[in-house]
C-alpha atoms as a PDB file:
ATOM      1  CA  UNK A   1     -45.222 119.993 -25.824  1.00  0.00           C
ATOM      2  CA  UNK A   2     -44.713 116.476 -24.817  1.00  0.00           C
ATOM      3  CA  UNK A   3     -41.061 117.042 -24.122  1.00  0.00           C
ATOM      4  CA  UNK A   4     -41.893 120.055 -21.958  1.00  0.00           C
ATOM      5  CA  UNK A   5     -44.190 117.913 -19.812  1.00  0.00           C
ATOM      6  CA  UNK A   6     -41.608 115.172 -19.721  1.00  0.00           C
ATOM      7  CA  UNK A   7     -38.865 117.568 -18.562  1.00  0.00           C
ATOM      8  CA  UNK A   8     -41.192 119.032 -15.944  1.00  0.00           C
ATOM      9  CA  UNK A   9     -42.074 115.552 -14.742  1.00  0.00           C
ATOM     10  CA  UNK A  10     -38.384 114.612 -14.529  1.00  0.00           C
ATOM     11  CA  UNK A  11     -37.636 117.814 -12.630  1.00  0.00           C
ATOM     12  CA  UNK A  12     -40.497 117.066 -10.222  1.00  0.00           C
ATOM     13  CA  UNK A  13     -39.263 113.504  -9.663  1.00  0.00           C
ATOM     14  CA  UNK A  14     -35.682 114.702  -9.133  1.00  0.00           C
ATOM     15  CA  UNK A  15     -36.821 117.415  -6.713  1.00  0.00           C
ATOM     16  CA  UNK A  16     -38.926 115.003  -4.612  1.00  0.00           C
ATOM     17  CA  UNK A  17     -36.295 112.262  -4.617  1.00  0.00           C
ATOM     18  CA  UNK A  18     -33.522 114.464  -3.263  1.00  0.00           C
ATOM     19  CA  UNK A  19     -35.263 115.487  -0.008  1.00  0.00           C
ATOM     20  CA  UNK A  20     -36.212 111.863   0.598  1.00  0.00           C
ATOM     21  CA  UNK A  21     -32.545 110.874   0.441  1.00  0.00           C
ATOM     22  CA  UNK A  22     -31.554 113.836   2.632  1.00  0.00           C
ATOM     23  CA  UNK A  23     -34.300 112.974   5.081  1.00  0.00           C
ATOM     24  CA  UNK A  24     -33.104 109.373   5.420  1.00  0.00           C
ATOM     25  CA  UNK A  25     -29.568 110.639   6.061  1.00  0.00           C
ATOM     26  CA  UNK A  26     -30.916 113.066   8.671  1.00  0.00           C
ATOM     27  CA  UNK A  27     -32.941 110.265  10.249  1.00  0.00           C
ATOM     28  CA  UNK A  28     -29.854 108.057  10.292  1.00  0.00           C
ATOM     29  CA  UNK A  29     -27.789 110.764  11.931  1.00  0.00           C
ATOM     30  CA  UNK A  30     -30.529 111.451  14.478  1.00  0.00           C
ATOM     31  CA  UNK A  31     -30.767 107.733  15.292  1.00  0.00           C
ATOM     32  CA  UNK A  32     -26.970 107.454  15.690  1.00  0.00           C
ATOM     33  CA  UNK A  33     -26.930 110.521  17.936  1.00  0.00           C
ATOM     34  CA  UNK A  34     -29.725 109.075  20.077  1.00  0.00           C
ATOM     35  CA  UNK A  35     -27.920 105.723  20.374  1.00  0.00           C
ATOM     36  CA  UNK A  36     -24.692 107.510  21.330  1.00  0.00           C
ATOM     37  CA  UNK A  37     -26.508 109.466  24.035  1.00  0.00           C
ATOM     38  CA  UNK A  38     -28.036 106.241  25.407  1.00  0.00           C
ATOM     39  CA  UNK A  39     -24.622 104.535  25.493  1.00  0.00           C
ATOM     40  CA  UNK A  40     -23.041 107.525  27.236  1.00  0.00           C
ATOM     41  CA  UNK A  41     -25.861 107.553  29.796  1.00  0.00           C
ATOM     42  CA  UNK A  42     -25.320 103.824  30.455  1.00  0.00           C
ATOM     43  CA  UNK A  43     -21.586 104.447  30.867  1.00  0.00           C
ATOM     44  CA  UNK A  44     -22.262 107.213  33.412  1.00  0.00           C
ATOM     45  CA  UNK A  45     -24.729 104.951  35.224  1.00  0.00           C
ATOM     46  CA  UNK A  46     -22.096 102.198  35.464  1.00  0.00           C
ATOM     47  CA  UNK A  47     -19.532 104.718  36.739  1.00  0.00           C
ATOM     48  CA  UNK A  48     -21.961 105.934  39.415  1.00  0.00           C
ATOM     49  CA  UNK A  49     -22.880 102.375  40.420  1.00  0.00           C
ATOM     50  CA  UNK A  50     -19.197 101.457  40.638  1.00  0.00           C
ATOM     51  CA  UNK A  51     -18.502 104.524  42.766  1.00  0.00           C
ATOM     52  CA  UNK A  52     -21.425 103.708  45.070  1.00  0.00           C
ATOM     53  CA  UNK A  53     -20.241 100.116  45.465  1.00  0.00           C
ATOM     54  CA  UNK A  54     -16.722 101.300  46.289  1.00  0.00           C
ATOM     55  CA  UNK A  55     -18.051 103.747  48.897  1.00  0.00           C
ATOM     56  CA  UNK A  56     -20.282 101.047  50.416  1.00  0.00           C
ATOM     57  CA  UNK A  57     -17.298  98.691  50.708  1.00  0.00           C
ATOM     58  CA  UNK A  58     -15.216 101.460  52.278  1.00  0.00           C
ATOM     59  CA  UNK A  59     -17.992 102.246  54.778  1.00  0.00           C
ATOM     60  CA  UNK A  60     -18.431  98.553  55.633  1.00  0.00           C
ATOM     61  CA  UNK A  61     -14.688  98.159  56.222  1.00  0.00           C
ATOM     62  CA  UNK A  62     -14.611 101.241  58.472  1.00  0.00           C
ATOM     63  CA  UNK A  63     -17.670 100.066  60.407  1.00  0.00           C
ATOM     64  CA  UNK A  64     -16.082  96.662  60.905  1.00  0.00           C
ATOM     65  CA  UNK A  65     -12.859  98.260  62.140  1.00  0.00           C
ATOM     66  CA  UNK A  66     -14.757 100.600  64.471  1.00  0.00           C
ATOM     67  CA  UNK A  67     -16.847  97.726  65.829  1.00  0.00           C
ATOM     68  CA  UNK A  68     -13.642  95.837  66.598  1.00  0.00           C
ATOM     69  CA  UNK A  69     -11.978  98.843  68.214  1.00  0.00           C
ATOM     70  CA  UNK A  70     -15.060  99.965  70.150  1.00  0.00           C
ATOM     71  CA  UNK A  71     -16.084  96.561  71.368  1.00  0.00           C
ATOM     72  CA  UNK A  72     -18.470  97.115  74.239  1.00  0.00           C
ATOM     73  CA  UNK A  73     -17.018  96.506  77.642  1.00  0.00           C
ATOM     74  CA  UNK A  74     -18.558  93.512  79.368  1.00  0.00           C
ATOM     75  CA  UNK A  75     -19.388  94.171  82.983  1.00  0.00           C
ATOM     76  CA  UNK A  76     -17.050  92.108  85.073  1.00  0.00           C
ATOM     77  CA  UNK A  77     -14.210  92.052  82.537  1.00  0.00           C
ATOM     78  CA  UNK A  78     -10.995  93.677  83.695  1.00  0.00           C
ATOM     79  CA  UNK A  79     -10.185  97.121  82.291  1.00  0.00           C
ATOM     80  CA  UNK A  80      -6.748  98.030  80.941  1.00  0.00           C
ATOM     81  CA  UNK A  81      -5.230 100.882  82.963  1.00  0.00           C
ATOM     82  CA  UNK A  82      -1.754 100.834  81.395  1.00  0.00           C
ATOM     83  CA  UNK A  83       0.571  98.834  79.179  1.00  0.00           C
ATOM     84  CA  UNK A  84       4.251  99.032  80.051  1.00  0.00           C
ATOM     85  CA  UNK A  85       7.483  97.390  79.108  1.00  0.00           C
ATOM     86  CA  UNK A  86      10.361  97.367  76.696  1.00  0.00           C
ATOM     87  CA  UNK A  87      10.571  95.430  73.446  1.00  0.00           C
ATOM     88  CA  UNK A  88       8.615  92.209  73.396  1.00  0.00           C
ATOM     89  CA  UNK A  89       8.301  91.976  77.188  1.00  0.00           C
ATOM     90  CA  UNK A  90       5.135  93.919  77.924  1.00  0.00           C
ATOM     91  CA  UNK A  91       3.073  94.043  81.102  1.00  0.00           C
ATOM     92  CA  UNK A  92      -0.473  95.281  81.469  1.00  0.00           C
ATOM     93  CA  UNK A  93      -1.964  96.870  84.550  1.00  0.00           C
ATOM     94  CA  UNK A  94      -5.577  95.744  84.788  1.00  0.00           C
ATOM     95  CA  UNK A  95      -8.314  96.983  87.068  1.00  0.00           C
ATOM     96  CA  UNK A  96     -10.574  94.152  88.167  1.00  0.00           C
ATOM     97  CA  UNK A  97     -14.292  94.620  88.746  1.00  0.00           C
ATOM     98  CA  UNK A  98     -13.686  94.861  92.530  1.00  0.00           C
ATOM     99  CA  UNK A  99     -11.444  97.918  91.928  1.00  0.00           C
ATOM    100  CA  UNK A 100      -8.145  96.182  92.622  1.00  0.00           C
ATOM    101  CA  UNK A 101      -5.185  96.604  90.281  1.00  0.00           C
ATOM    102  CA  UNK A 102      -3.051  93.744  89.037  1.00  0.00           C
ATOM    103  CA  UNK A 103      -0.068  93.573  86.668  1.00  0.00           C
ATOM    104  CA  UNK A 104      -0.148  90.685  84.193  1.00  0.00           C
ATOM    105  CA  UNK A 105       1.913  89.362  81.342  1.00  0.00           C
ATOM    106  CA  UNK A 106       1.155  86.987  78.491  1.00  0.00           C
ATOM    107  CA  UNK A 107       0.118  83.553  79.773  1.00  0.00           C
ATOM    108  CA  UNK A 108      -1.102  84.735  83.208  1.00  0.00           C
ATOM    109  CA  UNK A 109      -4.500  83.596  84.465  1.00  0.00           C
ATOM    110  CA  UNK A 110      -6.720  86.020  86.370  1.00  0.00           C
ATOM    111  CA  UNK A 111      -9.034  85.160  89.241  1.00  0.00           C
ATOM    112  CA  UNK A 112     -12.140  83.766  87.615  1.00  0.00           C
ATOM    113  CA  UNK A 113     -10.209  81.834  84.985  1.00  0.00           C
ATOM    114  CA  UNK A 114      -9.594  84.510  82.338  1.00  0.00           C
ATOM    115  CA  UNK A 115      -6.259  83.873  80.593  1.00  0.00           C
ATOM    116  CA  UNK A 116      -4.125  86.654  79.061  1.00  0.00           C
ATOM    117  CA  UNK A 117      -3.373  85.613  75.466  1.00  0.00           C
ATOM    118  CA  UNK A 118      -1.323  88.578  74.302  1.00  0.00           C
ATOM    119  CA  UNK A 119      -0.254  92.082  75.221  1.00  0.00           C
ATOM    120  CA  UNK A 120       0.515  94.580  72.466  1.00  0.00           C
ATOM    121  CA  UNK A 121       1.328  98.295  72.747  1.00  0.00           C
ATOM    122  CA  UNK A 122      -2.340  99.237  72.302  1.00  0.00           C
ATOM    123  CA  UNK A 123      -4.369  96.145  73.249  1.00  0.00           C
ATOM    124  CA  UNK A 124      -4.680  93.239  75.642  1.00  0.00           C
ATOM    125  CA  UNK A 125      -6.308  90.048  74.344  1.00  0.00           C
ATOM    126  CA  UNK A 126      -7.712  87.539  76.807  1.00  0.00           C
ATOM    127  CA  UNK A 127      -9.682  84.320  76.662  1.00  0.00           C
ATOM    128  CA  UNK A 128     -12.633  83.513  78.839  1.00  0.00           C
ATOM    129  CA  UNK A 129     -14.957  80.577  78.368  1.00  0.00           C
ATOM    130  CA  UNK A 130     -13.375  79.742  75.001  1.00  0.00           C
ATOM    131  CA  UNK A 131     -14.063  83.262  73.700  1.00  0.00           C
ATOM    132  CA  UNK A 132     -11.332  85.744  72.690  1.00  0.00           C
ATOM    133  CA  UNK A 133     -11.891  89.160  74.247  1.00  0.00           C
ATOM    134  CA  UNK A 134     -10.148  92.464  73.600  1.00  0.00           C
ATOM    135  CA  UNK A 135     -10.075  94.155  76.985  1.00  0.00           C
ATOM    136  CA  UNK A 136     -11.379  97.720  77.065  1.00  0.00           C
ATOM    137  CA  UNK A 137      -9.190 100.651  78.042  1.00  0.00           C
ATOM    138  CA  UNK A 138     -10.039 102.608  81.181  1.00  0.00           C
ATOM    139  CA  UNK A 139     -12.601 105.273  80.172  1.00  0.00           C
ATOM    140  CA  UNK A 140     -11.141 108.166  82.170  1.00  0.00           C
ATOM    141  CA  UNK A 141      -7.630 107.620  80.875  1.00  0.00           C
ATOM    142  CA  UNK A 142      -7.775 106.707  77.203  1.00  0.00           C
ATOM    143  CA  UNK A 143      -4.229 108.004  77.078  1.00  0.00           C
ATOM    144  CA  UNK A 144      -3.333 105.554  79.866  1.00  0.00           C
ATOM    145  CA  UNK A 145      -2.046 102.992  77.380  1.00  0.00           C
ATOM    146  CA  UNK A 146       1.591 103.979  77.310  1.00  0.00           C
ATOM    147  CA  UNK A 147       4.056 101.478  75.939  1.00  0.00           C
ATOM    148  CA  UNK A 148       6.993 103.842  76.533  1.00  0.00           C
ATOM    149  CA  UNK A 149       6.770 103.689  80.345  1.00  0.00           C
ATOM    150  CA  UNK A 150       9.146 101.156  81.841  1.00  0.00           C
ATOM    151  CA  UNK A 151       8.357 101.402  85.540  1.00  0.00           C
ATOM    152  CA  UNK A 152       5.196  99.826  86.978  1.00  0.00           C
ATOM    153  CA  UNK A 153       2.339 102.000  88.168  1.00  0.00           C
ATOM    154  CA  UNK A 154       2.915 103.426  91.680  1.00  0.00           C
ATOM    155  CA  UNK A 155       1.892 101.032  94.411  1.00  0.00           C
ATOM    156  CA  UNK A 156       1.532  98.067  92.047  1.00  0.00           C
ATOM    157  CA  UNK A 157       3.986  95.177  92.246  1.00  0.00           C
ATOM    158  CA  UNK A 158       5.689  93.944  89.090  1.00  0.00           C
ATOM    159  CA  UNK A 159       4.361  90.472  88.042  1.00  0.00           C
ATOM    160  CA  UNK A 160       6.493  87.709  89.429  1.00  0.00           C
ATOM    161  CA  UNK A 161       7.978  89.944  92.160  1.00  0.00           C
ATOM    162  CA  UNK A 162       5.960  88.403  94.968  1.00  0.00           C
ATOM    163  CA  UNK A 163       5.285  84.958  93.519  1.00  0.00           C
END
């Protein structure tokens, strides 16, 4: 009888020990799965943050470029009506605040002391009071900046012609 009880006791111990081992393996697998999910979530978060930072930098660069290109016109500054010339010898036709038109080239000084620093196919840079200014294009003729035109605007003398 004793051996029957002993065998039953051994069977009971073996039966209870096996689920405990299986349970610890299941717990281990569950813990590993949870840790993997947390790491994947962190990776996705870093990807999203990186994407957001890239988009913010792209937006800031575009805003900076647009601010430069759309610099507000200062009342009293001349307005670019046309840019003409061939090669590196470009002339700009400017409309002064009194409505008069004048052709200028790099190095010319306007009435009021504004000096023309450079003329490029799509911009005229000037200096006034120690400040560099990109002169605004005429609002009605945004297409008026035409570097392909060689002749001066009608009725406007070429710079240096009457000097």
